[in-house]
Amino acid sequence: MESYLVSLGAGVLIGVIYSVIKVRSPAPPLIALVGLLGMVIGAQAVPALKPLLGL
C-alpha cells in the first residue's frame, strides 16, 4: 500500500510542477485514465471474488 501512496504523491507533485511552469502534461485525458482505473479494478475483483463465489 505504501508504494501506491508514494506513486500517488509523486504524480500529484509532478502535476503541480507542470501547472506552475505551464507545461501541458503528456498524460492521456481524464476519461482514458478513468477507463484504465476501471480495468485495474475489474482485474483485481475477479481473484478476490472467486473464493466468495465458490469458484
PDB file of N, CA and C in Angstrom:
ATOM      1  N   MET A   1       0.829  -1.195   0.000  1.00  0.00           N
ATOM      2  CA  MET A   1       0.000   0.000   0.000  1.00  0.00           C
ATOM      3  C   MET A   1       0.868   1.252   0.000  1.00  0.00           C
ATOM      4  N   GLU A   2       2.020   1.162   0.677  1.00  0.00           N
ATOM      5  CA  GLU A   2       2.898   2.327   0.760  1.00  0.00           C
ATOM      6  C   GLU A   2       3.391   2.757  -0.624  1.00  0.00           C
ATOM      7  N   SER A   3       3.690   1.793  -1.482  1.00  0.00           N
ATOM      8  CA  SER A   3       4.177   2.142  -2.820  1.00  0.00           C
ATOM      9  C   SER A   3       3.109   2.879  -3.627  1.00  0.00           C
ATOM     10  N   TYR A   4       1.832   2.541  -3.414  1.00  0.00           N
ATOM     11  CA  TYR A   4       0.756   3.231  -4.104  1.00  0.00           C
ATOM     12  C   TYR A   4       0.663   4.687  -3.641  1.00  0.00           C
ATOM     13  N   LEU A   5       0.819   4.891  -2.349  1.00  0.00           N
ATOM     14  CA  LEU A   5       0.759   6.254  -1.822  1.00  0.00           C
ATOM     15  C   LEU A   5       1.941   7.090  -2.300  1.00  0.00           C
ATOM     16  N   VAL A   6       3.125   6.489  -2.352  1.00  0.00           N
ATOM     17  CA  VAL A   6       4.301   7.201  -2.860  1.00  0.00           C
ATOM     18  C   VAL A   6       4.098   7.556  -4.330  1.00  0.00           C
ATOM     19  N   SER A   7       3.573   6.620  -5.099  1.00  0.00           N
ATOM     20  CA  SER A   7       3.310   6.861  -6.514  1.00  0.00           C
ATOM     21  C   SER A   7       2.290   7.978  -6.703  1.00  0.00           C
ATOM     22  N   LEU A   8       1.225   7.947  -5.920  1.00  0.00           N
ATOM     23  CA  LEU A   8       0.209   8.995  -5.996  1.00  0.00           C
ATOM     24  C   LEU A   8       0.813  10.349  -5.624  1.00  0.00           C
ATOM     25  N   GLY A   9       1.586  10.386  -4.560  1.00  0.00           N
ATOM     26  CA  GLY A   9       2.212  11.639  -4.131  1.00  0.00           C
ATOM     27  C   GLY A   9       3.153  12.190  -5.191  1.00  0.00           C
ATOM     28  N   ALA A  10       3.948  11.308  -5.814  1.00  0.00           N
ATOM     29  CA  ALA A  10       4.858  11.753  -6.865  1.00  0.00           C
ATOM     30  C   ALA A  10       4.084  12.306  -8.053  1.00  0.00           C
ATOM     31  N   GLY A  11       2.999  11.652  -8.404  1.00  0.00           N
ATOM     32  CA  GLY A  11       2.177  12.129  -9.519  1.00  0.00           C
ATOM     33  C   GLY A  11       1.565  13.485  -9.238  1.00  0.00           C
ATOM     34  N   VAL A  12       1.075  13.675  -8.017  1.00  0.00           N
ATOM     35  CA  VAL A  12       0.494  14.975  -7.648  1.00  0.00           C
ATOM     36  C   VAL A  12       1.575  16.052  -7.682  1.00  0.00           C
ATOM     37  N   LEU A  13       2.746  15.746  -7.151  1.00  0.00           N
ATOM     38  CA  LEU A  13       3.846  16.712  -7.151  1.00  0.00           C
ATOM     39  C   LEU A  13       4.228  17.115  -8.574  1.00  0.00           C
ATOM     40  N   ILE A  14       4.352  16.154  -9.461  1.00  0.00           N
ATOM     41  CA  ILE A  14       4.693  16.457 -10.854  1.00  0.00           C
ATOM     42  C   ILE A  14       3.579  17.269 -11.510  1.00  0.00           C
ATOM     43  N   GLY A  15       2.330  16.943 -11.213  1.00  0.00           N
ATOM     44  CA  GLY A  15       1.207  17.708 -11.751  1.00  0.00           C
ATOM     45  C   GLY A  15       1.246  19.165 -11.314  1.00  0.00           C
ATOM     46  N   VAL A  16       1.581  19.391 -10.045  1.00  0.00           N
ATOM     47  CA  VAL A  16       1.691  20.762  -9.535  1.00  0.00           C
ATOM     48  C   VAL A  16       2.834  21.494 -10.242  1.00  0.00           C
ATOM     49  N   ILE A  17       3.966  20.819 -10.384  1.00  0.00           N
ATOM     50  CA  ILE A  17       5.110  21.444 -11.067  1.00  0.00           C
ATOM     51  C   ILE A  17       4.748  21.779 -12.511  1.00  0.00           C
ATOM     52  N   TYR A  18       4.115  20.857 -13.217  1.00  0.00           N
ATOM     53  CA  TYR A  18       3.689  21.122 -14.597  1.00  0.00           C
ATOM     54  C   TYR A  18       2.765  22.328 -14.654  1.00  0.00           C
ATOM     55  N   SER A  19       1.850  22.420 -13.708  1.00  0.00           N
ATOM     56  CA  SER A  19       0.904  23.533 -13.687  1.00  0.00           C
ATOM     57  C   SER A  19       1.616  24.861 -13.443  1.00  0.00           C
ATOM     58  N   VAL A  20       2.564  24.866 -12.519  1.00  0.00           N
ATOM     59  CA  VAL A  20       3.279  26.096 -12.184  1.00  0.00           C
ATOM     60  C   VAL A  20       4.108  26.596 -13.369  1.00  0.00           C
ATOM     61  N   ILE A  21       4.771  25.679 -14.069  1.00  0.00           N
ATOM     62  CA  ILE A  21       5.606  26.116 -15.191  1.00  0.00           C
ATOM     63  C   ILE A  21       4.842  26.104 -16.520  1.00  0.00           C
ATOM     64  N   LYS A  22       3.543  25.844 -16.437  1.00  0.00           N
ATOM     65  CA  LYS A  22       2.629  25.894 -17.584  1.00  0.00           C
ATOM     66  C   LYS A  22       3.048  24.962 -18.728  1.00  0.00           C
ATOM     67  N   VAL A  23       3.346  23.712 -18.358  1.00  0.00           N
ATOM     68  CA  VAL A  23       3.679  22.677 -19.336  1.00  0.00           C
ATOM     69  C   VAL A  23       2.477  21.759 -19.462  1.00  0.00           C
ATOM     70  N   ARG A  24       2.116  21.439 -20.684  1.00  0.00           N
ATOM     71  CA  ARG A  24       0.987  20.530 -20.901  1.00  0.00           C
ATOM     72  C   ARG A  24       1.441  19.114 -20.594  1.00  0.00           C
ATOM     73  N   SER A  25       0.671  18.418 -19.774  1.00  0.00           N
ATOM     74  CA  SER A  25       1.010  17.062 -19.357  1.00  0.00           C
ATOM     75  C   SER A  25       0.909  16.098 -20.536  1.00  0.00           C
ATOM     76  N   PRO A  26       1.858  15.173 -20.653  1.00  0.00           N
ATOM     77  CA  PRO A  26       1.780  14.174 -21.726  1.00  0.00           C
ATOM     78  C   PRO A  26       0.811  13.038 -21.408  1.00  0.00           C
ATOM     79  N   ALA A  27       0.172  13.090 -20.248  1.00  0.00           N
ATOM     80  CA  ALA A  27      -0.750  12.026 -19.844  1.00  0.00           C
ATOM     81  C   ALA A  27      -2.009  12.048 -20.707  1.00  0.00           C
ATOM     82  N   PRO A  28      -2.650  10.892 -20.848  1.00  0.00           N
ATOM     83  CA  PRO A  28      -3.899  10.850 -21.616  1.00  0.00           C
ATOM     84  C   PRO A  28      -5.003  11.634 -20.902  1.00  0.00           C
ATOM     85  N   PRO A  29      -6.064  11.952 -21.609  1.00  0.00           N
ATOM     86  CA  PRO A  29      -7.162  12.698 -20.991  1.00  0.00           C
ATOM     87  C   PRO A  29      -7.766  11.935 -19.810  1.00  0.00           C
ATOM     88  N   LEU A  30      -8.462  12.658 -18.966  1.00  0.00           N
ATOM     89  CA  LEU A  30      -9.041  12.088 -17.749  1.00  0.00           C
ATOM     90  C   LEU A  30      -9.954  10.902 -18.050  1.00  0.00           C
ATOM     91  N   ILE A  31     -10.731  10.962 -19.103  1.00  0.00           N
ATOM     92  CA  ILE A  31     -11.658   9.876 -19.411  1.00  0.00           C
ATOM     93  C   ILE A  31     -10.900   8.578 -19.689  1.00  0.00           C
ATOM     94  N   ALA A  32      -9.731   8.664 -20.311  1.00  0.00           N
ATOM     95  CA  ALA A  32      -8.924   7.464 -20.567  1.00  0.00           C
ATOM     96  C   ALA A  32      -8.372   6.901 -19.259  1.00  0.00           C
ATOM     97  N   LEU A  33      -7.973   7.792 -18.356  1.00  0.00           N
ATOM     98  CA  LEU A  33      -7.450   7.340 -17.067  1.00  0.00           C
ATOM     99  C   LEU A  33      -8.532   6.669 -16.230  1.00  0.00           C
ATOM    100  N   VAL A  34      -9.754   7.162 -16.315  1.00  0.00           N
ATOM    101  CA  VAL A  34     -10.864   6.535 -15.597  1.00  0.00           C
ATOM    102  C   VAL A  34     -11.126   5.142 -16.163  1.00  0.00           C
ATOM    103  N   GLY A  35     -11.034   5.006 -17.465  1.00  0.00           N
ATOM    104  CA  GLY A  35     -11.200   3.687 -18.088  1.00  0.00           C
ATOM    105  C   GLY A  35     -10.125   2.712 -17.646  1.00  0.00           C
ATOM    106  N   LEU A  36      -8.880   3.190 -17.572  1.00  0.00           N
ATOM    107  CA  LEU A  36      -7.790   2.338 -17.093  1.00  0.00           C
ATOM    108  C   LEU A  36      -8.009   1.933 -15.643  1.00  0.00           C
ATOM    109  N   LEU A  37      -8.478   2.853 -14.824  1.00  0.00           N
ATOM    110  CA  LEU A  37      -8.772   2.535 -13.425  1.00  0.00           C
ATOM    111  C   LEU A  37      -9.839   1.447 -13.348  1.00  0.00           C
ATOM    112  N   GLY A  38     -10.857   1.543 -14.168  1.00  0.00           N
ATOM    113  CA  GLY A  38     -11.894   0.516 -14.203  1.00  0.00           C
ATOM    114  C   GLY A  38     -11.345  -0.841 -14.586  1.00  0.00           C
ATOM    115  N   MET A  39     -10.415  -0.868 -15.534  1.00  0.00           N
ATOM    116  CA  MET A  39      -9.792  -2.129 -15.939  1.00  0.00           C
ATOM    117  C   MET A  39      -8.996  -2.739 -14.791  1.00  0.00           C
ATOM    118  N   VAL A  40      -8.261  -1.922 -14.067  1.00  0.00           N
ATOM    119  CA  VAL A  40      -7.469  -2.422 -12.940  1.00  0.00           C
ATOM    120  C   VAL A  40      -8.387  -2.960 -11.845  1.00  0.00           C
ATOM    121  N   ILE A  41      -9.442  -2.227 -11.541  1.00  0.00           N
ATOM    122  CA  ILE A  41     -10.391  -2.678 -10.509  1.00  0.00           C
ATOM    123  C   ILE A  41     -11.039  -3.998 -10.928  1.00  0.00           C
ATOM    124  N   GLY A  42     -11.432  -4.101 -12.178  1.00  0.00           N
ATOM    125  CA  GLY A  42     -12.036  -5.334 -12.665  1.00  0.00           C
ATOM    126  C   GLY A  42     -11.083  -6.513 -12.602  1.00  0.00           C
ATOM    127  N   ALA A  43      -9.839  -6.282 -12.967  1.00  0.00           N
ATOM    128  CA  ALA A  43      -8.848  -7.360 -12.936  1.00  0.00           C
ATOM    129  C   ALA A  43      -8.561  -7.810 -11.505  1.00  0.00           C
ATOM    130  N   GLN A  44      -8.617  -6.908 -10.556  1.00  0.00           N
ATOM    131  CA  GLN A  44      -8.380  -7.256  -9.154  1.00  0.00           C
ATOM    132  C   GLN A  44      -9.610  -7.880  -8.512  1.00  0.00           C
ATOM    133  N   ALA A  45     -10.786  -7.556  -9.016  1.00  0.00           N
ATOM    134  CA  ALA A  45     -12.031  -8.040  -8.416  1.00  0.00           C
ATOM    135  C   ALA A  45     -12.246  -9.532  -8.658  1.00  0.00           C
ATOM    136  N   VAL A  46     -11.866 -10.018  -9.824  1.00  0.00           N
ATOM    137  CA  VAL A  46     -12.122 -11.422 -10.155  1.00  0.00           C
ATOM    138  C   VAL A  46     -11.413 -12.367  -9.178  1.00  0.00           C
ATOM    139  N   PRO A  47     -10.097 -12.233  -8.952  1.00  0.00           N
ATOM    140  CA  PRO A  47      -9.451 -13.136  -7.989  1.00  0.00           C
ATOM    141  C   PRO A  47      -9.985 -12.964  -6.564  1.00  0.00           C
ATOM    142  N   ALA A  48     -10.382 -11.765  -6.215  1.00  0.00           N
ATOM    143  CA  ALA A  48     -10.879 -11.527  -4.868  1.00  0.00           C
ATOM    144  C   ALA A  48     -12.262 -12.155  -4.655  1.00  0.00           C
ATOM    145  N   LEU A  49     -13.068 -12.198  -5.713  1.00  0.00           N
ATOM    146  CA  LEU A  49     -14.429 -12.715  -5.586  1.00  0.00           C
ATOM    147  C   LEU A  49     -14.543 -14.231  -5.807  1.00  0.00           C
ATOM    148  N   LYS A  50     -13.549 -14.854  -6.435  1.00  0.00           N
ATOM    149  CA  LYS A  50     -13.614 -16.292  -6.696  1.00  0.00           C
ATOM    150  C   LYS A  50     -13.871 -17.112  -5.442  1.00  0.00           C
ATOM    151  N   PRO A  51     -13.134 -16.884  -4.347  1.00  0.00           N
ATOM    152  CA  PRO A  51     -13.401 -17.684  -3.147  1.00  0.00           C
ATOM    153  C   PRO A  51     -14.799 -17.442  -2.563  1.00  0.00           C
ATOM    154  N   LEU A  52     -15.279 -16.231  -2.695  1.00  0.00           N
ATOM    155  CA  LEU A  52     -16.608 -15.914  -2.155  1.00  0.00           C
ATOM    156  C   LEU A  52     -17.717 -16.577  -2.958  1.00  0.00           C
ATOM    157  N   LEU A  53     -17.463 -16.778  -4.247  1.00  0.00           N
ATOM    158  CA  LEU A  53     -18.470 -17.397  -5.113  1.00  0.00           C
ATOM    159  C   LEU A  53     -18.299 -18.907  -5.206  1.00  0.00           C
ATOM    160  N   GLY A  54     -17.259 -19.430  -4.563  1.00  0.00           N
ATOM    161  CA  GLY A  54     -17.014 -20.867  -4.585  1.00  0.00           C
ATOM    162  C   GLY A  54     -16.491 -21.369  -5.903  1.00  0.00           C
ATOM    163  N   LEU A  55     -15.786 -20.541  -6.628  1.00  0.00           N
ATOM    164  CA  LEU A  55     -15.242 -20.944  -7.949  1.00  0.00           C
ATOM    165  C   LEU A  55     -13.809 -21.404  -7.831  1.00  0.00           C
TER     166      LEU A  55
END
